[in-house]
Amino acid sequence: MKHGRGVVARVAVIAALIAALSGCSSIGDALKQKTTPAENIGYQRMLAKKFKVNWPAVEIIEYTREGSIDGSGEWSTNAVVTIAGKTYQEIFGVSVVGGDPLPDPDASPATESVTVRYSDGTSEVMK
């Protein structure tokens, strides 16, 4: 009987952890501030220009979601960037960039332009 109580206790702890973690995720999603489509494209365009300056060999930036303002008050989104033919999964924010380690900015020759594919399906070539 003692062994059965231990198993039940472990299952209860695991269930409580799952419930707590999923509850926090739902609350976190609800607290995210939504931005308008125009605001998202504005942020995405601004960050594409900034990224091109810092990584001049970038060929393509493709945003994979609209973006939102998280609990810290920072707007961010996800993007796939192509530099010298290799893709990198990145998190773009107004003041923070994170994701896959990027190559040295001077490792490849600069491109004349970058193709930017926005989260709304539109695209443009920036020089």
Protein backbone atom coordinates (compact mmCIF):
# COMPACT_ATOMS: atom_id res chain seq x y z
CA MET A 1 0.00 0.00 0.00
CA LYS A 2 2.91 2.35 0.76
CA HIS A 3 4.24 1.95 -2.80
CA GLY A 4 0.84 2.85 -4.27
CA ARG A 5 0.69 6.12 -2.30
CA GLY A 6 4.11 7.14 -3.60
CA VAL A 7 3.03 6.58 -7.19
CA VAL A 8 -0.21 8.50 -6.64
CA ALA A 9 1.73 11.35 -5.03
CA ARG A 10 4.17 11.50 -7.95
CA VAL A 11 1.33 11.50 -10.48
CA ALA A 12 -0.41 14.28 -8.53
CA VAL A 13 2.76 16.39 -8.50
CA ILE A 14 3.28 15.89 -12.24
CA ALA A 15 -0.37 16.77 -12.95
CA ALA A 16 -0.08 19.90 -10.80
CA LEU A 17 3.08 20.98 -12.64
CA ILE A 18 1.43 20.46 -16.02
CA ALA A 19 -1.63 22.43 -14.93
CA ALA A 20 0.49 25.25 -13.53
CA LEU A 21 2.70 25.49 -16.59
CA SER A 22 -0.19 25.45 -19.05
CA GLY A 23 -2.07 27.99 -16.94
CA CYS A 24 0.87 30.37 -16.96
CA SER A 25 1.15 30.02 -20.73
CA SER A 26 -2.51 30.90 -21.19
CA ILE A 27 -2.20 33.88 -18.89
CA GLY A 28 0.95 35.03 -20.68
CA ASP A 29 -0.79 34.84 -24.05
CA ALA A 30 -3.72 36.85 -22.72
CA LEU A 31 -1.40 39.56 -21.38
CA LYS A 32 0.40 40.08 -24.69
CA GLN A 33 -0.52 43.38 -26.21
CA LYS A 34 -1.73 43.10 -29.77
CA THR A 35 -0.48 45.47 -32.42
CA THR A 36 -2.24 46.46 -35.61
CA PRO A 37 -1.18 45.01 -38.97
CA ALA A 38 0.19 48.43 -39.98
CA GLU A 39 2.24 48.67 -36.77
CA ASN A 40 3.62 45.16 -37.32
CA ILE A 41 4.71 45.94 -40.87
CA GLY A 42 6.27 49.20 -39.66
CA TYR A 43 8.29 47.39 -37.00
CA GLN A 44 9.24 44.63 -39.44
CA ARG A 45 10.42 47.14 -42.06
CA MET A 46 12.43 49.11 -39.49
CA LEU A 47 14.10 45.96 -38.15
CA ALA A 48 14.89 44.69 -41.66
CA LYS A 49 16.72 47.94 -42.40
CA LYS A 50 18.59 47.74 -39.10
CA PHE A 51 19.51 44.09 -39.69
CA LYS A 52 20.80 44.85 -43.22
CA VAL A 53 23.12 47.52 -41.79
CA ASN A 54 24.49 45.10 -39.17
CA TRP A 55 24.66 42.01 -41.45
CA PRO A 56 25.32 43.41 -44.96
CA ALA A 57 25.44 39.94 -46.56
CA VAL A 58 21.79 39.19 -45.70
CA GLU A 59 19.84 38.05 -48.76
CA ILE A 60 16.34 37.33 -47.43
CA ILE A 61 14.40 38.18 -44.28
CA GLU A 62 11.10 36.31 -43.94
CA TYR A 63 8.87 37.14 -40.99
CA THR A 64 7.02 34.06 -39.75
CA ARG A 65 4.50 35.75 -37.44
CA GLU A 66 3.00 39.18 -36.95
CA GLY A 67 4.64 40.15 -33.69
CA SER A 68 3.36 41.42 -30.37
CA ILE A 69 4.39 43.31 -27.25
CA ASP A 70 5.31 40.89 -24.48
CA GLY A 71 5.18 41.35 -20.72
CA SER A 72 8.45 43.30 -20.71
CA GLY A 73 6.91 45.90 -23.01
CA GLU A 74 9.12 45.00 -25.97
CA TRP A 75 7.73 44.24 -29.43
CA SER A 76 9.19 41.13 -31.04
CA THR A 77 8.58 38.64 -33.82
CA ASN A 78 10.20 35.63 -35.45
CA ALA A 79 12.03 35.61 -38.76
CA VAL A 80 14.06 33.32 -40.96
CA VAL A 81 17.07 35.11 -42.41
CA THR A 82 19.28 33.91 -45.23
CA ILE A 83 22.92 34.96 -45.17
CA ALA A 84 25.36 33.63 -47.77
CA GLY A 85 22.88 30.90 -48.72
CA LYS A 86 22.37 29.59 -45.16
CA THR A 87 19.16 30.09 -43.15
CA TYR A 88 18.93 31.12 -39.50
CA GLN A 89 15.90 31.16 -37.17
CA GLU A 90 15.88 34.50 -35.40
CA ILE A 91 13.86 36.50 -32.89
CA PHE A 92 13.75 40.17 -33.84
CA GLY A 93 12.90 42.82 -31.30
CA VAL A 94 13.19 46.56 -31.18
CA SER A 95 16.18 46.35 -28.83
CA VAL A 96 17.01 42.63 -28.82
CA VAL A 97 17.95 40.06 -31.45
CA GLY A 98 18.21 36.40 -30.54
CA GLY A 99 18.06 32.97 -32.10
CA ASP A 100 20.56 30.91 -34.03
CA PRO A 101 24.17 32.07 -33.87
CA LEU A 102 24.83 34.30 -36.87
CA PRO A 103 28.03 34.40 -38.91
CA ASP A 104 30.48 37.24 -38.51
CA PRO A 105 28.99 40.26 -40.31
CA ASP A 106 32.14 40.65 -42.43
CA ALA A 107 32.48 36.94 -43.29
CA SER A 108 30.69 37.29 -46.65
CA PRO A 109 30.51 40.06 -49.22
CA ALA A 110 27.66 42.54 -48.86
CA THR A 111 24.60 42.12 -51.06
CA GLU A 112 23.15 45.03 -53.02
CA SER A 113 19.66 44.38 -51.71
CA VAL A 114 17.62 42.23 -49.36
CA THR A 115 14.24 40.64 -50.08
CA VAL A 116 11.90 41.17 -47.15
CA ARG A 117 8.80 38.96 -46.87
CA TYR A 118 6.40 40.41 -44.34
CA SER A 119 4.06 38.45 -42.08
CA ASP A 120 1.02 39.67 -44.07
CA GLY A 121 2.29 38.00 -47.26
CA THR A 122 3.59 41.15 -48.95
CA SER A 123 7.22 41.61 -49.85
CA GLU A 124 9.68 44.20 -51.04
CA VAL A 125 13.29 44.46 -52.14
CA MET A 126 15.29 46.92 -50.05
CA LYS A 127 18.50 48.45 -51.38
